[in-house]
Amino acid sequence: MTQHFRDNEAASRFELDIDGAIAFVAYRKSSGAITLVHTEVPPELGGKGVGSKLARATLDAVRAQGRKLTVECEFIQGYMKKHPEYNDLLGAAT
């Protein structure tokens, strides 16, 4: 299984390409901040842990970019509840 993760800024999403199928997390970026809006995993990749791999890679990318995080996506919210080591990325509540 060949995998490639990238930040596709032109499409405003992080992508995980697995054997030609693309799972993604759509986002909105602003200066120093990012909002994760929606995660989508193609049906043919379902049940293989792709969503969790994508979530981990996305949160690692946000950390590497030094951005503060807002999460609207329920899938990413659920992932972060299971992995509180990413909670430091969250921006202050307004």
PDB file of N, CA and C in Angstrom:
ATOM      1  N   MET A   1       0.850  -1.180   0.000  1.00  0.00           N
ATOM      2  CA  MET A   1       0.000   0.000   0.000  1.00  0.00           C
ATOM      3  C   MET A   1       0.894   1.242   0.000  1.00  0.00           C
ATOM      4  N   THR A   2       0.811   2.061  -1.037  1.00  0.00           N
ATOM      5  CA  THR A   2       1.583   3.287  -1.154  1.00  0.00           C
ATOM      6  C   THR A   2       0.772   4.447  -0.578  1.00  0.00           C
ATOM      7  N   GLN A   3       1.408   5.256   0.299  1.00  0.00           N
ATOM      8  CA  GLN A   3       0.729   6.372   0.939  1.00  0.00           C
ATOM      9  C   GLN A   3       1.535   7.647   0.753  1.00  0.00           C
ATOM     10  N   HIS A   4       0.828   8.771   0.552  1.00  0.00           N
ATOM     11  CA  HIS A   4       1.481  10.057   0.444  1.00  0.00           C
ATOM     12  C   HIS A   4       0.583  11.112   1.089  1.00  0.00           C
ATOM     13  N   PHE A   5       1.127  11.842   2.073  1.00  0.00           N
ATOM     14  CA  PHE A   5       0.399  12.909   2.761  1.00  0.00           C
ATOM     15  C   PHE A   5       0.897  14.253   2.256  1.00  0.00           C
ATOM     16  N   ARG A   6      -0.030  15.187   2.036  1.00  0.00           N
ATOM     17  CA  ARG A   6       0.370  16.517   1.592  1.00  0.00           C
ATOM     18  C   ARG A   6      -0.647  17.561   2.052  1.00  0.00           C
ATOM     19  N   ASP A   7      -0.173  18.804   2.114  1.00  0.00           N
ATOM     20  CA  ASP A   7      -1.034  19.952   2.357  1.00  0.00           C
ATOM     21  C   ASP A   7      -1.333  20.555   0.988  1.00  0.00           C
ATOM     22  N   ASN A   8      -2.527  20.327   0.484  1.00  0.00           N
ATOM     23  CA  ASN A   8      -2.938  20.850  -0.821  1.00  0.00           C
ATOM     24  C   ASN A   8      -3.592  22.209  -0.582  1.00  0.00           C
ATOM     25  N   GLU A   9      -2.758  23.245  -0.515  1.00  0.00           N
ATOM     26  CA  GLU A   9      -3.267  24.580  -0.205  1.00  0.00           C
ATOM     27  C   GLU A   9      -4.224  25.093  -1.277  1.00  0.00           C
ATOM     28  N   ALA A  10      -4.013  24.727  -2.529  1.00  0.00           N
ATOM     29  CA  ALA A  10      -4.905  25.172  -3.609  1.00  0.00           C
ATOM     30  C   ALA A  10      -6.332  24.675  -3.388  1.00  0.00           C
ATOM     31  N   ALA A  11      -6.482  23.490  -2.794  1.00  0.00           N
ATOM     32  CA  ALA A  11      -7.804  22.922  -2.521  1.00  0.00           C
ATOM     33  C   ALA A  11      -8.232  23.126  -1.067  1.00  0.00           C
ATOM     34  N   SER A  12      -7.385  23.775  -0.249  1.00  0.00           N
ATOM     35  CA  SER A  12      -7.655  24.013   1.180  1.00  0.00           C
ATOM     36  C   SER A  12      -7.954  22.717   1.916  1.00  0.00           C
ATOM     37  N   ARG A  13      -7.033  21.745   1.749  1.00  0.00           N
ATOM     38  CA  ARG A  13      -7.223  20.487   2.464  1.00  0.00           C
ATOM     39  C   ARG A  13      -5.904  19.724   2.600  1.00  0.00           C
ATOM     40  N   PHE A  14      -5.824  18.957   3.672  1.00  0.00           N
ATOM     41  CA  PHE A  14      -4.745  17.993   3.841  1.00  0.00           C
ATOM     42  C   PHE A  14      -5.216  16.709   3.182  1.00  0.00           C
ATOM     43  N   GLU A  15      -4.322  16.052   2.447  1.00  0.00           N
ATOM     44  CA  GLU A  15      -4.709  14.857   1.699  1.00  0.00           C
ATOM     45  C   GLU A  15      -3.801  13.683   2.029  1.00  0.00           C
ATOM     46  N   LEU A  16      -4.400  12.517   2.105  1.00  0.00           N
ATOM     47  CA  LEU A  16      -3.671  11.263   2.222  1.00  0.00           C
ATOM     48  C   LEU A  16      -4.058  10.427   1.007  1.00  0.00           C
ATOM     49  N   ASP A  17      -3.099  10.274   0.117  1.00  0.00           N
ATOM     50  CA  ASP A  17      -3.309   9.523  -1.124  1.00  0.00           C
ATOM     51  C   ASP A  17      -2.842   8.097  -0.887  1.00  0.00           C
ATOM     52  N   ILE A  18      -3.768   7.150  -1.006  1.00  0.00           N
ATOM     53  CA  ILE A  18      -3.444   5.738  -0.813  1.00  0.00           C
ATOM     54  C   ILE A  18      -3.847   5.004  -2.085  1.00  0.00           C
ATOM     55  N   ASP A  19      -2.837   4.569  -2.806  1.00  0.00           N
ATOM     56  CA  ASP A  19      -3.058   3.818  -4.042  1.00  0.00           C
ATOM     57  C   ASP A  19      -4.054   4.505  -4.973  1.00  0.00           C
ATOM     58  N   GLY A  20      -3.961   5.823  -5.090  1.00  0.00           N
ATOM     59  CA  GLY A  20      -4.800   6.572  -6.014  1.00  0.00           C
ATOM     60  C   GLY A  20      -6.120   7.056  -5.458  1.00  0.00           C
ATOM     61  N   ALA A  21      -6.503   6.613  -4.272  1.00  0.00           N
ATOM     62  CA  ALA A  21      -7.714   7.107  -3.612  1.00  0.00           C
ATOM     63  C   ALA A  21      -7.286   8.163  -2.596  1.00  0.00           C
ATOM     64  N   ILE A  22      -8.046   9.254  -2.509  1.00  0.00           N
ATOM     65  CA  ILE A  22      -7.638  10.366  -1.646  1.00  0.00           C
ATOM     66  C   ILE A  22      -8.644  10.579  -0.524  1.00  0.00           C
ATOM     67  N   ALA A  23      -8.132  10.475   0.713  1.00  0.00           N
ATOM     68  CA  ALA A  23      -8.878  10.875   1.900  1.00  0.00           C
ATOM     69  C   ALA A  23      -8.404  12.285   2.243  1.00  0.00           C
ATOM     70  N   PHE A  24      -9.288  13.117   2.799  1.00  0.00           N
ATOM     71  CA  PHE A  24      -8.862  14.487   3.058  1.00  0.00           C
ATOM     72  C   PHE A  24      -9.542  15.108   4.269  1.00  0.00           C
ATOM     73  N   VAL A  25      -8.886  16.152   4.784  1.00  0.00           N
ATOM     74  CA  VAL A  25      -9.445  17.021   5.819  1.00  0.00           C
ATOM     75  C   VAL A  25      -9.484  18.426   5.229  1.00  0.00           C
ATOM     76  N   ALA A  26     -10.690  18.951   5.033  1.00  0.00           N
ATOM     77  CA  ALA A  26     -10.854  20.303   4.510  1.00  0.00           C
ATOM     78  C   ALA A  26     -10.611  21.297   5.642  1.00  0.00           C
ATOM     79  N   TYR A  27     -10.015  22.446   5.290  1.00  0.00           N
ATOM     80  CA  TYR A  27      -9.695  23.453   6.304  1.00  0.00           C
ATOM     81  C   TYR A  27      -9.881  24.865   5.785  1.00  0.00           C
ATOM     82  N   ARG A  28      -9.865  25.805   6.759  1.00  0.00           N
ATOM     83  CA  ARG A  28      -9.785  27.234   6.482  1.00  0.00           C
ATOM     84  C   ARG A  28      -8.576  27.748   7.250  1.00  0.00           C
ATOM     85  N   LYS A  29      -7.672  28.429   6.565  1.00  0.00           N
ATOM     86  CA  LYS A  29      -6.485  28.989   7.208  1.00  0.00           C
ATOM     87  C   LYS A  29      -6.614  30.503   7.304  1.00  0.00           C
ATOM     88  N   SER A  30      -6.070  31.038   8.398  1.00  0.00           N
ATOM     89  CA  SER A  30      -5.897  32.473   8.544  1.00  0.00           C
ATOM     90  C   SER A  30      -4.521  32.669   9.170  1.00  0.00           C
ATOM     91  N   SER A  31      -4.138  33.877   9.372  1.00  0.00           N
ATOM     92  CA  SER A  31      -2.808  34.155   9.904  1.00  0.00           C
ATOM     93  C   SER A  31      -2.608  33.476  11.256  1.00  0.00           C
ATOM     94  N   GLY A  32      -1.752  32.464  11.291  1.00  0.00           N
ATOM     95  CA  GLY A  32      -1.415  31.782  12.542  1.00  0.00           C
ATOM     96  C   GLY A  32      -2.460  30.817  13.067  1.00  0.00           C
ATOM     97  N   ALA A  33      -3.551  30.621  12.321  1.00  0.00           N
ATOM     98  CA  ALA A  33      -4.618  29.740  12.799  1.00  0.00           C
ATOM     99  C   ALA A  33      -5.155  28.893  11.655  1.00  0.00           C
ATOM    100  N   ILE A  34      -5.809  27.795  12.043  1.00  0.00           N
ATOM    101  CA  ILE A  34      -6.442  26.910  11.065  1.00  0.00           C
ATOM    102  C   ILE A  34      -7.688  26.302  11.697  1.00  0.00           C
ATOM    103  N   THR A  35      -8.730  26.171  10.890  1.00  0.00           N
ATOM    104  CA  THR A  35      -9.963  25.511  11.318  1.00  0.00           C
ATOM    105  C   THR A  35     -10.130  24.264  10.470  1.00  0.00           C
ATOM    106  N   LEU A  36     -10.237  23.115  11.131  1.00  0.00           N
ATOM    107  CA  LEU A  36     -10.482  21.847  10.435  1.00  0.00           C
ATOM    108  C   LEU A  36     -11.993  21.674  10.333  1.00  0.00           C
ATOM    109  N   VAL A  37     -12.484  21.598   9.103  1.00  0.00           N
ATOM    110  CA  VAL A  37     -13.913  21.683   8.836  1.00  0.00           C
ATOM    111  C   VAL A  37     -14.563  20.323   8.639  1.00  0.00           C
ATOM    112  N   HIS A  38     -13.930  19.453   7.852  1.00  0.00           N
ATOM    113  CA  HIS A  38     -14.596  18.207   7.458  1.00  0.00           C
ATOM    114  C   HIS A  38     -13.558  17.168   7.051  1.00  0.00           C
ATOM    115  N   THR A  39     -13.784  15.919   7.437  1.00  0.00           N
ATOM    116  CA  THR A  39     -12.931  14.800   7.021  1.00  0.00           C
ATOM    117  C   THR A  39     -13.737  13.877   6.128  1.00  0.00           C
ATOM    118  N   GLU A  40     -13.103  13.432   5.054  1.00  0.00           N
ATOM    119  CA  GLU A  40     -13.779  12.500   4.148  1.00  0.00           C
ATOM    120  C   GLU A  40     -12.824  11.373   3.752  1.00  0.00           C
ATOM    121  N   VAL A  41     -13.299  10.142   3.925  1.00  0.00           N
ATOM    122  CA  VAL A  41     -12.534   8.952   3.543  1.00  0.00           C
ATOM    123  C   VAL A  41     -13.368   8.198   2.511  1.00  0.00           C
ATOM    124  N   PRO A  42     -12.815   7.929   1.322  1.00  0.00           N
ATOM    125  CA  PRO A  42     -13.568   7.191   0.306  1.00  0.00           C
ATOM    126  C   PRO A  42     -14.003   5.818   0.830  1.00  0.00           C
ATOM    127  N   PRO A  43     -15.174   5.347   0.409  1.00  0.00           N
ATOM    128  CA  PRO A  43     -15.683   4.060   0.890  1.00  0.00           C
ATOM    129  C   PRO A  43     -14.694   2.909   0.729  1.00  0.00           C
ATOM    130  N   GLU A  44     -13.926   2.899  -0.365  1.00  0.00           N
ATOM    131  CA  GLU A  44     -12.992   1.791  -0.584  1.00  0.00           C
ATOM    132  C   GLU A  44     -11.836   1.782   0.419  1.00  0.00           C
ATOM    133  N   LEU A  45     -11.649   2.885   1.145  1.00  0.00           N
ATOM    134  CA  LEU A  45     -10.601   2.945   2.174  1.00  0.00           C
ATOM    135  C   LEU A  45     -11.157   2.774   3.580  1.00  0.00           C
ATOM    136  N   GLY A  46     -12.463   2.655   3.695  1.00  0.00           N
ATOM    137  CA  GLY A  46     -13.109   2.528   4.997  1.00  0.00           C
ATOM    138  C   GLY A  46     -12.701   1.265   5.732  1.00  0.00           C
ATOM    139  N   GLY A  47     -12.659   1.366   7.062  1.00  0.00           N
ATOM    140  CA  GLY A  47     -12.364   0.217   7.905  1.00  0.00           C
ATOM    141  C   GLY A  47     -10.904  -0.210   7.914  1.00  0.00           C
ATOM    142  N   LYS A  48     -10.021   0.628   7.392  1.00  0.00           N
ATOM    143  CA  LYS A  48      -8.601   0.279   7.318  1.00  0.00           C
ATOM    144  C   LYS A  48      -7.726   1.201   8.173  1.00  0.00           C
ATOM    145  N   GLY A  49      -8.365   2.027   8.998  1.00  0.00           N
ATOM    146  CA  GLY A  49      -7.610   2.943   9.841  1.00  0.00           C
ATOM    147  C   GLY A  49      -7.106   4.178   9.116  1.00  0.00           C
ATOM    148  N   VAL A  50      -7.602   4.410   7.915  1.00  0.00           N
ATOM    149  CA  VAL A  50      -7.145   5.545   7.116  1.00  0.00           C
ATOM    150  C   VAL A  50      -7.525   6.864   7.780  1.00  0.00           C
ATOM    151  N   GLY A  51      -8.721   6.949   8.318  1.00  0.00           N
ATOM    152  CA  GLY A  51      -9.152   8.183   8.979  1.00  0.00           C
ATOM    153  C   GLY A  51      -8.240   8.555  10.131  1.00  0.00           C
ATOM    154  N   SER A  52      -7.857   7.579  10.923  1.00  0.00           N
ATOM    155  CA  SER A  52      -6.955   7.847  12.053  1.00  0.00           C
ATOM    156  C   SER A  52      -5.564   8.249  11.579  1.00  0.00           C
ATOM    157  N   LYS A  53      -5.066   7.598  10.525  1.00  0.00           N
ATOM    158  CA  LYS A  53      -3.761   7.990   9.968  1.00  0.00           C
ATOM    159  C   LYS A  53      -3.810   9.418   9.448  1.00  0.00           C
ATOM    160  N   LEU A  54      -4.901   9.753   8.773  1.00  0.00           N
ATOM    161  CA  LEU A  54      -5.077  11.096   8.236  1.00  0.00           C
ATOM    162  C   LEU A  54      -5.175  12.120   9.369  1.00  0.00           C
ATOM    163  N   ALA A  55      -5.940  11.809  10.402  1.00  0.00           N
ATOM    164  CA  ALA A  55      -6.077  12.726  11.535  1.00  0.00           C
ATOM    165  C   ALA A  55      -4.724  12.982  12.190  1.00  0.00           C
ATOM    166  N   ARG A  56      -3.977  11.934  12.448  1.00  0.00           N
ATOM    167  CA  ARG A  56      -2.655  12.069  13.079  1.00  0.00           C
ATOM    168  C   ARG A  56      -1.717  12.909  12.209  1.00  0.00           C
ATOM    169  N   ALA A  57      -1.667  12.623  10.912  1.00  0.00           N
ATOM    170  CA  ALA A  57      -0.794  13.369  10.005  1.00  0.00           C
ATOM    171  C   ALA A  57      -1.227  14.833   9.925  1.00  0.00           C
ATOM    172  N   THR A  58      -2.520  15.079   9.912  1.00  0.00           N
ATOM    173  CA  THR A  58      -3.039  16.447   9.867  1.00  0.00           C
ATOM    174  C   THR A  58      -2.641  17.223  11.117  1.00  0.00           C
ATOM    175  N   LEU A  59      -2.853  16.633  12.275  1.00  0.00           N
ATOM    176  CA  LEU A  59      -2.521  17.321  13.523  1.00  0.00           C
ATOM    177  C   LEU A  59      -1.013  17.531  13.659  1.00  0.00           C
ATOM    178  N   ASP A  60      -0.232  16.580  13.185  1.00  0.00           N
ATOM    179  CA  ASP A  60       1.230  16.754  13.180  1.00  0.00           C
ATOM    180  C   ASP A  60       1.626  17.899  12.251  1.00  0.00           C
ATOM    181  N   ALA A  61       0.945  18.031  11.115  1.00  0.00           N
ATOM    182  CA  ALA A  61       1.226  19.115  10.175  1.00  0.00           C
ATOM    183  C   ALA A  61       0.857  20.469  10.773  1.00  0.00           C
ATOM    184  N   VAL A  62      -0.275  20.521  11.462  1.00  0.00           N
ATOM    185  CA  VAL A  62      -0.681  21.769  12.125  1.00  0.00           C
ATOM    186  C   VAL A  62       0.375  22.160  13.157  1.00  0.00           C
ATOM    187  N   ARG A  63       0.858  21.195  13.928  1.00  0.00           N
ATOM    188  CA  ARG A  63       1.903  21.450  14.918  1.00  0.00           C
ATOM    189  C   ARG A  63       3.173  21.975  14.232  1.00  0.00           C
ATOM    190  N   ALA A  64       3.578  21.337  13.142  1.00  0.00           N
ATOM    191  CA  ALA A  64       4.794  21.738  12.429  1.00  0.00           C
ATOM    192  C   ALA A  64       4.657  23.147  11.845  1.00  0.00           C
ATOM    193  N   GLN A  65       3.445  23.528  11.465  1.00  0.00           N
ATOM    194  CA  GLN A  65       3.206  24.860  10.913  1.00  0.00           C
ATOM    195  C   GLN A  65       3.109  25.927  11.993  1.00  0.00           C
ATOM    196  N   GLY A  66       3.016  25.500  13.257  1.00  0.00           N
ATOM    197  CA  GLY A  66       2.945  26.442  14.371  1.00  0.00           C
ATOM    198  C   GLY A  66       1.628  27.199  14.450  1.00  0.00           C
ATOM    199  N   ARG A  67       0.566  26.589  13.967  1.00  0.00           N
ATOM    200  CA  ARG A  67      -0.741  27.250  13.962  1.00  0.00           C
ATOM    201  C   ARG A  67      -1.572  26.833  15.174  1.00  0.00           C
ATOM    202  N   LYS A  68      -2.468  27.724  15.584  1.00  0.00           N
ATOM    203  CA  LYS A  68      -3.460  27.381  16.590  1.00  0.00           C
ATOM    204  C   LYS A  68      -4.662  26.786  15.868  1.00  0.00           C
ATOM    205  N   LEU A  69      -5.359  25.899  16.546  1.00  0.00           N
ATOM    206  CA  LEU A  69      -6.344  25.040  15.921  1.00  0.00           C
ATOM    207  C   LEU A  69      -7.746  25.275  16.460  1.00  0.00           C
ATOM    208  N   THR A  70      -8.713  25.292  15.534  1.00  0.00           N
ATOM    209  CA  THR A  70     -10.131  25.213  15.855  1.00  0.00           C
ATOM    210  C   THR A  70     -10.654  23.995  15.101  1.00  0.00           C
ATOM    211  N   VAL A  71     -11.478  23.193  15.765  1.00  0.00           N
ATOM    212  CA  VAL A  71     -11.968  21.961  15.144  1.00  0.00           C
ATOM    213  C   VAL A  71     -13.493  21.983  15.066  1.00  0.00           C
ATOM    214  N   GLU A  72     -14.005  22.012  13.846  1.00  0.00           N
ATOM    215  CA  GLU A  72     -15.446  21.890  13.604  1.00  0.00           C
ATOM    216  C   GLU A  72     -15.810  20.465  13.206  1.00  0.00           C
ATOM    217  N   CYS A  73     -14.843  19.719  12.711  1.00  0.00           N
ATOM    218  CA  CYS A  73     -15.057  18.362  12.212  1.00  0.00           C
ATOM    219  C   CYS A  73     -15.261  17.384  13.372  1.00  0.00           C
ATOM    220  N   GLU A  74     -16.371  16.678  13.367  1.00  0.00           N
ATOM    221  CA  GLU A  74     -16.673  15.729  14.441  1.00  0.00           C
ATOM    222  C   GLU A  74     -15.681  14.575  14.488  1.00  0.00           C
ATOM    223  N   PHE A  75     -15.193  14.136  13.342  1.00  0.00           N
ATOM    224  CA  PHE A  75     -14.231  13.030  13.333  1.00  0.00           C
ATOM    225  C   PHE A  75     -12.934  13.439  14.030  1.00  0.00           C
ATOM    226  N   ILE A  76     -12.425  14.619  13.706  1.00  0.00           N
ATOM    227  CA  ILE A  76     -11.189  15.097  14.338  1.00  0.00           C
ATOM    228  C   ILE A  76     -11.430  15.351  15.826  1.00  0.00           C
ATOM    229  N   GLN A  77     -12.587  15.868  16.188  1.00  0.00           N
ATOM    230  CA  GLN A  77     -12.913  16.060  17.608  1.00  0.00           C
ATOM    231  C   GLN A  77     -12.838  14.729  18.355  1.00  0.00           C
ATOM    232  N   GLY A  78     -13.424  13.694  17.761  1.00  0.00           N
ATOM    233  CA  GLY A  78     -13.396  12.366  18.379  1.00  0.00           C
ATOM    234  C   GLY A  78     -11.986  11.824  18.489  1.00  0.00           C
ATOM    235  N   TYR A  79     -11.182  12.032  17.453  1.00  0.00           N
ATOM    236  CA  TYR A  79      -9.788  11.569  17.478  1.00  0.00           C
ATOM    237  C   TYR A  79      -9.019  12.265  18.599  1.00  0.00           C
ATOM    238  N   MET A  80      -9.250  13.566  18.750  1.00  0.00           N
ATOM    239  CA  MET A  80      -8.531  14.320  19.780  1.00  0.00           C
ATOM    240  C   MET A  80      -8.957  13.911  21.186  1.00  0.00           C
ATOM    241  N   LYS A  81     -10.187  13.484  21.361  1.00  0.00           N
ATOM    242  CA  LYS A  81     -10.616  12.991  22.680  1.00  0.00           C
ATOM    243  C   LYS A  81      -9.842  11.737  23.057  1.00  0.00           C
ATOM    244  N   LYS A  82      -9.521  10.909  22.076  1.00  0.00           N
ATOM    245  CA  LYS A  82      -8.753   9.684  22.314  1.00  0.00           C
ATOM    246  C   LYS A  82      -7.249   9.964  22.383  1.00  0.00           C
ATOM    247  N   HIS A  83      -6.826  11.114  21.876  1.00  0.00           N
ATOM    248  CA  HIS A  83      -5.398  11.465  21.807  1.00  0.00           C
ATOM    249  C   HIS A  83      -5.186  12.879  22.342  1.00  0.00           C
ATOM    250  N   PRO A  84      -5.312  13.043  23.677  1.00  0.00           N
ATOM    251  CA  PRO A  84      -5.228  14.384  24.267  1.00  0.00           C
ATOM    252  C   PRO A  84      -3.847  15.046  24.125  1.00  0.00           C
ATOM    253  N   GLU A  85      -2.861  14.317  23.635  1.00  0.00           N
ATOM    254  CA  GLU A  85      -1.546  14.920  23.418  1.00  0.00           C
ATOM    255  C   GLU A  85      -1.590  16.026  22.359  1.00  0.00           C
ATOM    256  N   TYR A  86      -2.692  16.121  21.629  1.00  0.00           N
ATOM    257  CA  TYR A  86      -2.836  17.185  20.624  1.00  0.00           C
ATOM    258  C   TYR A  86      -3.618  18.388  21.141  1.00  0.00           C
ATOM    259  N   ASN A  87      -4.126  18.322  22.366  1.00  0.00           N
ATOM    260  CA  ASN A  87      -4.963  19.397  22.882  1.00  0.00           C
ATOM    261  C   ASN A  87      -4.242  20.735  23.007  1.00  0.00           C
ATOM    262  N   ASP A  88      -2.907  20.708  23.089  1.00  0.00           N
ATOM    263  CA  ASP A  88      -2.160  21.966  23.182  1.00  0.00           C
ATOM    264  C   ASP A  88      -2.252  22.790  21.900  1.00  0.00           C
ATOM    265  N   LEU A  89      -2.698  22.175  20.819  1.00  0.00           N
ATOM    266  CA  LEU A  89      -2.848  22.904  19.555  1.00  0.00           C
ATOM    267  C   LEU A  89      -4.072  23.798  19.535  1.00  0.00           C
ATOM    268  N   LEU A  90      -5.028  23.508  20.404  1.00  0.00           N
ATOM    269  CA  LEU A  90      -6.293  24.241  20.389  1.00  0.00           C
ATOM    270  C   LEU A  90      -6.106  25.709  20.767  1.00  0.00           C
ATOM    271  N   GLY A  91      -6.742  26.599  20.005  1.00  0.00           N
ATOM    272  CA  GLY A  91      -6.691  28.023  20.303  1.00  0.00           C
ATOM    273  C   GLY A  91      -7.565  28.314  21.518  1.00  0.00           C
ATOM    274  N   ALA A  92      -7.353  29.454  22.098  1.00  0.00           N
ATOM    275  CA  ALA A  92      -8.157  29.867  23.264  1.00  0.00           C
ATOM    276  C   ALA A  92      -9.598  30.081  22.830  1.00  0.00           C
ATOM    277  N   ALA A  93     -10.527  29.648  23.666  1.00  0.00           N
ATOM    278  CA  ALA A  93     -11.937  29.840  23.366  1.00  0.00           C
ATOM    279  C   ALA A  93     -12.274  31.330  23.428  1.00  0.00           C
ATOM    280  N   THR A  94     -13.129  31.750  22.514  1.00  0.00           N
ATOM    281  CA  THR A  94     -13.506  33.166  22.489  1.00  0.00           C
ATOM    282  C   THR A  94     -14.884  33.367  23.035  1.00  0.00           C
TER     283      THR A  94
END
